[in-house]
């Protein structure tokens, strides 16, 4: 079984210790939060880095689109797609391979 205080003084001390533990734990949480909170300058630097990362991703995506459009145009010139319907699956697989190669770096 559990051990619990039997006298009134023991019960008062147990309740006091329980509340003191809650207060101390809350104090530790508040202290940790204050230590981890970013300053105004840190928030600005973080948002700037995020914007730079987004611009880099946008550049990579636009480069990818231009590469695909160039290759599509090049393949269309090389292979007359209108006259030969059997080569379309081959072209689609080449685009899939290019897509996988560019996106999994």
N, C-alpha and C. Protein backbone atom coordinates (compact mmCIF):
# COMPACT_ATOMS: atom_id res chain seq x y z
N UNK A 1 0.80 -1.16 0.00
CA UNK A 1 0.00 0.00 0.00
C UNK A 1 0.86 1.25 0.00
N UNK A 2 0.19 2.32 -0.12
CA UNK A 2 0.87 3.61 -0.12
C UNK A 2 1.07 4.12 1.28
N UNK A 3 2.10 4.90 1.44
CA UNK A 3 2.37 5.52 2.74
C UNK A 3 1.76 6.91 2.73
N UNK A 4 0.94 7.20 3.70
CA UNK A 4 0.32 8.53 3.80
C UNK A 4 0.36 8.98 5.25
N UNK A 5 0.41 10.30 5.44
CA UNK A 5 0.46 10.80 6.82
C UNK A 5 -0.87 10.57 7.54
N UNK A 6 -0.78 10.27 8.82
CA UNK A 6 -1.98 10.00 9.61
C UNK A 6 -2.39 11.20 10.45
N UNK A 7 -1.39 11.96 10.94
CA UNK A 7 -1.71 13.09 11.83
C UNK A 7 -2.04 14.33 11.01
N UNK A 8 -2.66 15.31 11.67
CA UNK A 8 -3.04 16.55 11.03
C UNK A 8 -1.80 17.33 10.60
N UNK A 9 -0.77 17.38 11.45
CA UNK A 9 0.46 18.08 11.09
C UNK A 9 1.13 17.43 9.87
N UNK A 10 1.13 16.13 9.80
CA UNK A 10 1.72 15.41 8.67
C UNK A 10 0.96 15.70 7.37
N UNK A 11 -0.37 15.77 7.47
CA UNK A 11 -1.18 16.08 6.28
C UNK A 11 -0.94 17.50 5.80
N UNK A 12 -0.80 18.44 6.75
CA UNK A 12 -0.55 19.84 6.39
C UNK A 12 0.82 19.95 5.70
N UNK A 13 1.82 19.28 6.24
CA UNK A 13 3.16 19.32 5.65
C UNK A 13 3.13 18.67 4.26
N UNK A 14 2.40 17.57 4.08
CA UNK A 14 2.32 16.91 2.77
C UNK A 14 1.66 17.83 1.74
N UNK A 15 0.59 18.50 2.12
CA UNK A 15 -0.09 19.43 1.20
C UNK A 15 0.84 20.59 0.86
N UNK A 16 1.55 21.11 1.88
CA UNK A 16 2.49 22.22 1.65
C UNK A 16 3.59 21.77 0.68
N UNK A 17 4.14 20.58 0.87
CA UNK A 17 5.19 20.08 -0.02
C UNK A 17 4.67 19.88 -1.44
N UNK A 18 3.42 19.45 -1.58
CA UNK A 18 2.85 19.26 -2.91
C UNK A 18 2.73 20.60 -3.63
N UNK A 19 2.20 21.61 -2.95
CA UNK A 19 2.08 22.93 -3.57
C UNK A 19 3.45 23.54 -3.86
N UNK A 20 4.40 23.35 -2.94
CA UNK A 20 5.75 23.86 -3.15
C UNK A 20 6.39 23.22 -4.38
N UNK A 21 6.17 21.93 -4.60
CA UNK A 21 6.69 21.26 -5.78
C UNK A 21 6.10 21.82 -7.07
N UNK A 22 4.79 22.13 -7.06
CA UNK A 22 4.15 22.72 -8.23
C UNK A 22 4.72 24.11 -8.51
N UNK A 23 4.90 24.90 -7.46
CA UNK A 23 5.44 26.26 -7.63
C UNK A 23 6.88 26.21 -8.14
N UNK A 24 7.70 25.33 -7.59
CA UNK A 24 9.09 25.21 -8.04
C UNK A 24 9.16 24.74 -9.50
N UNK A 25 8.30 23.81 -9.85
CA UNK A 25 8.29 23.33 -11.23
C UNK A 25 7.87 24.45 -12.19
N UNK A 26 6.87 25.23 -11.82
CA UNK A 26 6.44 26.36 -12.65
C UNK A 26 7.56 27.38 -12.78
N UNK A 27 8.29 27.62 -11.70
CA UNK A 27 9.42 28.55 -11.75
C UNK A 27 10.51 28.07 -12.70
N UNK A 28 10.76 26.77 -12.70
CA UNK A 28 11.77 26.23 -13.62
C UNK A 28 11.32 26.37 -15.08
N UNK A 29 10.03 26.16 -15.33
CA UNK A 29 9.51 26.29 -16.70
C UNK A 29 9.62 27.74 -17.17
N UNK A 30 9.25 28.67 -16.31
CA UNK A 30 9.33 30.10 -16.67
C UNK A 30 10.78 30.51 -16.90
N UNK A 31 11.68 30.06 -16.06
CA UNK A 31 13.10 30.38 -16.21
C UNK A 31 13.66 29.83 -17.52
N UNK A 32 13.31 28.59 -17.83
CA UNK A 32 13.78 27.99 -19.09
C UNK A 32 13.21 28.74 -20.28
N UNK A 33 11.94 29.12 -20.21
CA UNK A 33 11.32 29.87 -21.30
C UNK A 33 12.03 31.20 -21.53
N UNK A 34 12.37 31.89 -20.47
CA UNK A 34 13.07 33.18 -20.61
C UNK A 34 14.45 33.00 -21.22
N UNK A 35 15.12 31.90 -20.88
CA UNK A 35 16.45 31.65 -21.44
C UNK A 35 16.39 31.32 -22.93
N UNK A 36 15.33 30.61 -23.35
CA UNK A 36 15.24 30.16 -24.73
C UNK A 36 14.55 31.18 -25.65
N UNK A 37 13.91 32.18 -25.08
CA UNK A 37 13.20 33.16 -25.90
C UNK A 37 14.21 33.99 -26.69
N UNK A 38 13.92 34.17 -27.99
CA UNK A 38 14.82 34.94 -28.85
C UNK A 38 14.66 36.43 -28.61
N UNK A 39 15.78 37.13 -28.71
CA UNK A 39 15.71 38.59 -28.63
C UNK A 39 15.22 39.13 -29.96
N UNK A 40 14.98 40.42 -30.01
CA UNK A 40 14.46 41.04 -31.23
C UNK A 40 15.46 40.87 -32.40
N UNK A 41 16.74 41.04 -32.12
CA UNK A 41 17.76 40.88 -33.14
C UNK A 41 17.85 39.44 -33.64
N UNK A 42 17.74 38.49 -32.71
CA UNK A 42 17.78 37.08 -33.10
C UNK A 42 16.57 36.71 -33.96
N UNK A 43 15.39 37.24 -33.62
CA UNK A 43 14.21 36.99 -34.43
C UNK A 43 14.38 37.56 -35.84
N UNK A 44 14.97 38.76 -35.94
CA UNK A 44 15.19 39.37 -37.25
C UNK A 44 16.15 38.52 -38.07
N UNK A 45 17.25 38.09 -37.45
CA UNK A 45 18.24 37.27 -38.16
C UNK A 45 17.63 35.94 -38.61
N UNK A 46 16.81 35.34 -37.76
CA UNK A 46 16.16 34.07 -38.11
C UNK A 46 15.21 34.24 -39.29
N UNK A 47 14.39 35.30 -39.27
CA UNK A 47 13.46 35.52 -40.38
C UNK A 47 14.22 35.83 -41.67
N UNK A 48 15.35 36.55 -41.56
CA UNK A 48 16.16 36.82 -42.74
C UNK A 48 16.71 35.53 -43.34
N UNK A 49 17.22 34.65 -42.49
CA UNK A 49 17.73 33.36 -42.96
C UNK A 49 16.63 32.51 -43.60
N UNK A 50 15.42 32.56 -43.03
CA UNK A 50 14.31 31.83 -43.63
C UNK A 50 13.98 32.37 -45.02
N UNK A 51 13.97 33.69 -45.17
CA UNK A 51 13.68 34.29 -46.47
C UNK A 51 14.75 33.92 -47.50
N UNK A 52 16.01 33.90 -47.08
CA UNK A 52 17.09 33.51 -47.98
C UNK A 52 16.92 32.06 -48.42
N UNK A 53 16.56 31.19 -47.48
CA UNK A 53 16.35 29.77 -47.81
C UNK A 53 15.19 29.61 -48.79
N UNK A 54 14.13 30.38 -48.61
CA UNK A 54 12.98 30.31 -49.51
C UNK A 54 13.38 30.79 -50.90
N UNK A 55 14.18 31.86 -50.98
CA UNK A 55 14.64 32.35 -52.28
C UNK A 55 15.50 31.30 -52.98
N UNK A 56 16.36 30.61 -52.23
CA UNK A 56 17.19 29.56 -52.82
C UNK A 56 16.33 28.42 -53.37
N UNK A 57 15.30 28.03 -52.62
CA UNK A 57 14.41 26.97 -53.10
C UNK A 57 13.68 27.42 -54.36
N UNK A 58 13.25 28.66 -54.39
CA UNK A 58 12.56 29.19 -55.56
C UNK A 58 13.48 29.21 -56.78
N UNK A 59 14.75 29.57 -56.58
CA UNK A 59 15.71 29.55 -57.68
C UNK A 59 15.89 28.13 -58.21
N UNK A 60 16.01 27.17 -57.29
CA UNK A 60 16.18 25.78 -57.72
C UNK A 60 14.96 25.29 -58.49
N UNK A 61 13.78 25.65 -58.03
CA UNK A 61 12.56 25.22 -58.73
C UNK A 61 12.46 25.86 -60.11
N UNK A 62 12.79 27.13 -60.21
CA UNK A 62 12.71 27.79 -61.52
C UNK A 62 13.76 27.21 -62.47
N UNK A 63 14.94 26.90 -61.95
CA UNK A 63 15.97 26.26 -62.78
C UNK A 63 15.48 24.91 -63.27
N UNK A 64 14.83 24.18 -62.41
CA UNK A 64 14.29 22.88 -62.77
C UNK A 64 13.25 23.01 -63.88
N UNK A 65 12.37 23.99 -63.78
CA UNK A 65 11.34 24.21 -64.80
C UNK A 65 11.98 24.56 -66.14
N UNK A 66 12.96 25.43 -66.11
CA UNK A 66 13.63 25.80 -67.36
C UNK A 66 14.36 24.61 -67.98
N UNK A 67 14.99 23.78 -67.16
CA UNK A 67 15.67 22.60 -67.68
C UNK A 67 14.68 21.64 -68.33
N UNK A 68 13.55 21.43 -67.65
CA UNK A 68 12.55 20.53 -68.22
C UNK A 68 11.98 21.07 -69.53
N UNK A 69 11.69 22.36 -69.57
CA UNK A 69 11.13 22.93 -70.79
C UNK A 69 12.14 22.87 -71.94
N UNK A 70 13.40 23.12 -71.63
CA UNK A 70 14.44 23.04 -72.66
C UNK A 70 14.57 21.60 -73.18
N UNK A 71 14.61 20.64 -72.27
CA UNK A 71 14.73 19.25 -72.70
C UNK A 71 13.51 18.79 -73.47
N UNK A 72 12.35 19.24 -73.06
CA UNK A 72 11.14 18.88 -73.78
C UNK A 72 11.18 19.42 -75.21
N UNK A 73 11.58 20.67 -75.33
CA UNK A 73 11.68 21.28 -76.66
C UNK A 73 12.72 20.55 -77.50
N UNK A 74 13.85 20.22 -76.89
CA UNK A 74 14.92 19.52 -77.59
C UNK A 74 14.46 18.13 -78.05
N UNK A 75 13.77 17.41 -77.17
CA UNK A 75 13.29 16.08 -77.52
C UNK A 75 12.21 16.15 -78.59
N UNK A 76 11.40 17.17 -78.54
CA UNK A 76 10.34 17.30 -79.53
C UNK A 76 10.90 17.55 -80.91
N UNK A 77 11.99 18.31 -80.95
CA UNK A 77 12.64 18.53 -82.23
C UNK A 77 13.28 17.25 -82.74
N UNK A 78 13.90 16.52 -81.81
CA UNK A 78 14.63 15.32 -82.19
C UNK A 78 13.68 14.21 -82.63
N UNK A 79 12.62 14.04 -81.89
CA UNK A 79 11.67 12.97 -82.17
C UNK A 79 10.34 13.63 -82.56
N UNK A 80 9.85 13.30 -83.66
CA UNK A 80 8.58 13.86 -84.11
C UNK A 80 7.46 13.14 -83.35
N UNK A 81 7.00 13.79 -82.27
CA UNK A 81 6.00 13.15 -81.42
C UNK A 81 4.67 12.99 -82.12
N UNK A 82 4.36 13.90 -83.01
CA UNK A 82 3.07 13.83 -83.69
C UNK A 82 2.98 12.62 -84.61
N UNK A 83 4.11 12.23 -85.18
CA UNK A 83 4.08 11.13 -86.13
C UNK A 83 4.33 9.77 -85.50
N UNK A 84 4.97 9.75 -84.34
CA UNK A 84 5.32 8.46 -83.73
C UNK A 84 4.79 8.41 -82.31
N UNK A 85 3.62 7.84 -82.12
CA UNK A 85 2.99 7.76 -80.80
C UNK A 85 3.65 6.71 -79.90
N UNK A 86 4.41 5.80 -80.45
CA UNK A 86 5.02 4.74 -79.66
C UNK A 86 6.18 5.24 -78.80
N UNK A 87 6.75 6.39 -79.12
CA UNK A 87 7.91 6.89 -78.37
C UNK A 87 7.51 7.73 -77.16
N UNK A 88 6.23 8.05 -77.01
CA UNK A 88 5.80 8.87 -75.87
C UNK A 88 6.14 8.25 -74.52
N UNK A 89 5.92 6.95 -74.28
CA UNK A 89 6.31 6.37 -72.99
C UNK A 89 7.80 6.50 -72.71
N UNK A 90 8.63 6.40 -73.74
CA UNK A 90 10.07 6.55 -73.57
C UNK A 90 10.41 7.98 -73.12
N UNK A 91 9.77 8.96 -73.72
CA UNK A 91 10.01 10.35 -73.35
C UNK A 91 9.56 10.60 -71.92
N UNK A 92 8.39 10.08 -71.55
CA UNK A 92 7.89 10.25 -70.19
C UNK A 92 8.83 9.63 -69.17
N UNK A 93 9.41 8.48 -69.48
CA UNK A 93 10.34 7.85 -68.54
C UNK A 93 11.63 8.67 -68.42
N UNK A 94 12.05 9.32 -69.53
CA UNK A 94 13.24 10.16 -69.45
C UNK A 94 12.98 11.38 -68.58
N UNK A 95 11.78 11.96 -68.69
CA UNK A 95 11.43 13.10 -67.82
C UNK A 95 11.35 12.67 -66.37
N UNK A 96 10.82 11.47 -66.13
CA UNK A 96 10.73 10.98 -64.76
C UNK A 96 12.13 10.79 -64.18
N UNK A 97 13.04 10.22 -64.97
CA UNK A 97 14.41 10.04 -64.50
C UNK A 97 15.07 11.38 -64.20
N UNK A 98 14.87 12.36 -65.07
CA UNK A 98 15.44 13.69 -64.84
C UNK A 98 14.85 14.32 -63.59
N UNK A 99 13.55 14.20 -63.41
CA UNK A 99 12.90 14.75 -62.23
C UNK A 99 13.47 14.12 -60.97
N UNK A 100 13.61 12.81 -60.94
CA UNK A 100 14.15 12.14 -59.76
C UNK A 100 15.60 12.56 -59.50
N UNK A 101 16.37 12.72 -60.56
CA UNK A 101 17.77 13.10 -60.40
C UNK A 101 17.89 14.51 -59.85
N UNK A 102 17.03 15.43 -60.28
CA UNK A 102 17.15 16.83 -59.84
C UNK A 102 16.57 17.05 -58.45
N UNK A 103 15.56 16.30 -58.08
CA UNK A 103 14.91 16.55 -56.79
C UNK A 103 15.52 15.77 -55.64
N UNK A 104 16.33 14.78 -55.89
CA UNK A 104 16.90 13.96 -54.81
C UNK A 104 18.37 14.25 -54.61
N UNK A 105 18.76 15.52 -54.62
CA UNK A 105 20.15 15.87 -54.37
C UNK A 105 20.39 16.07 -52.91
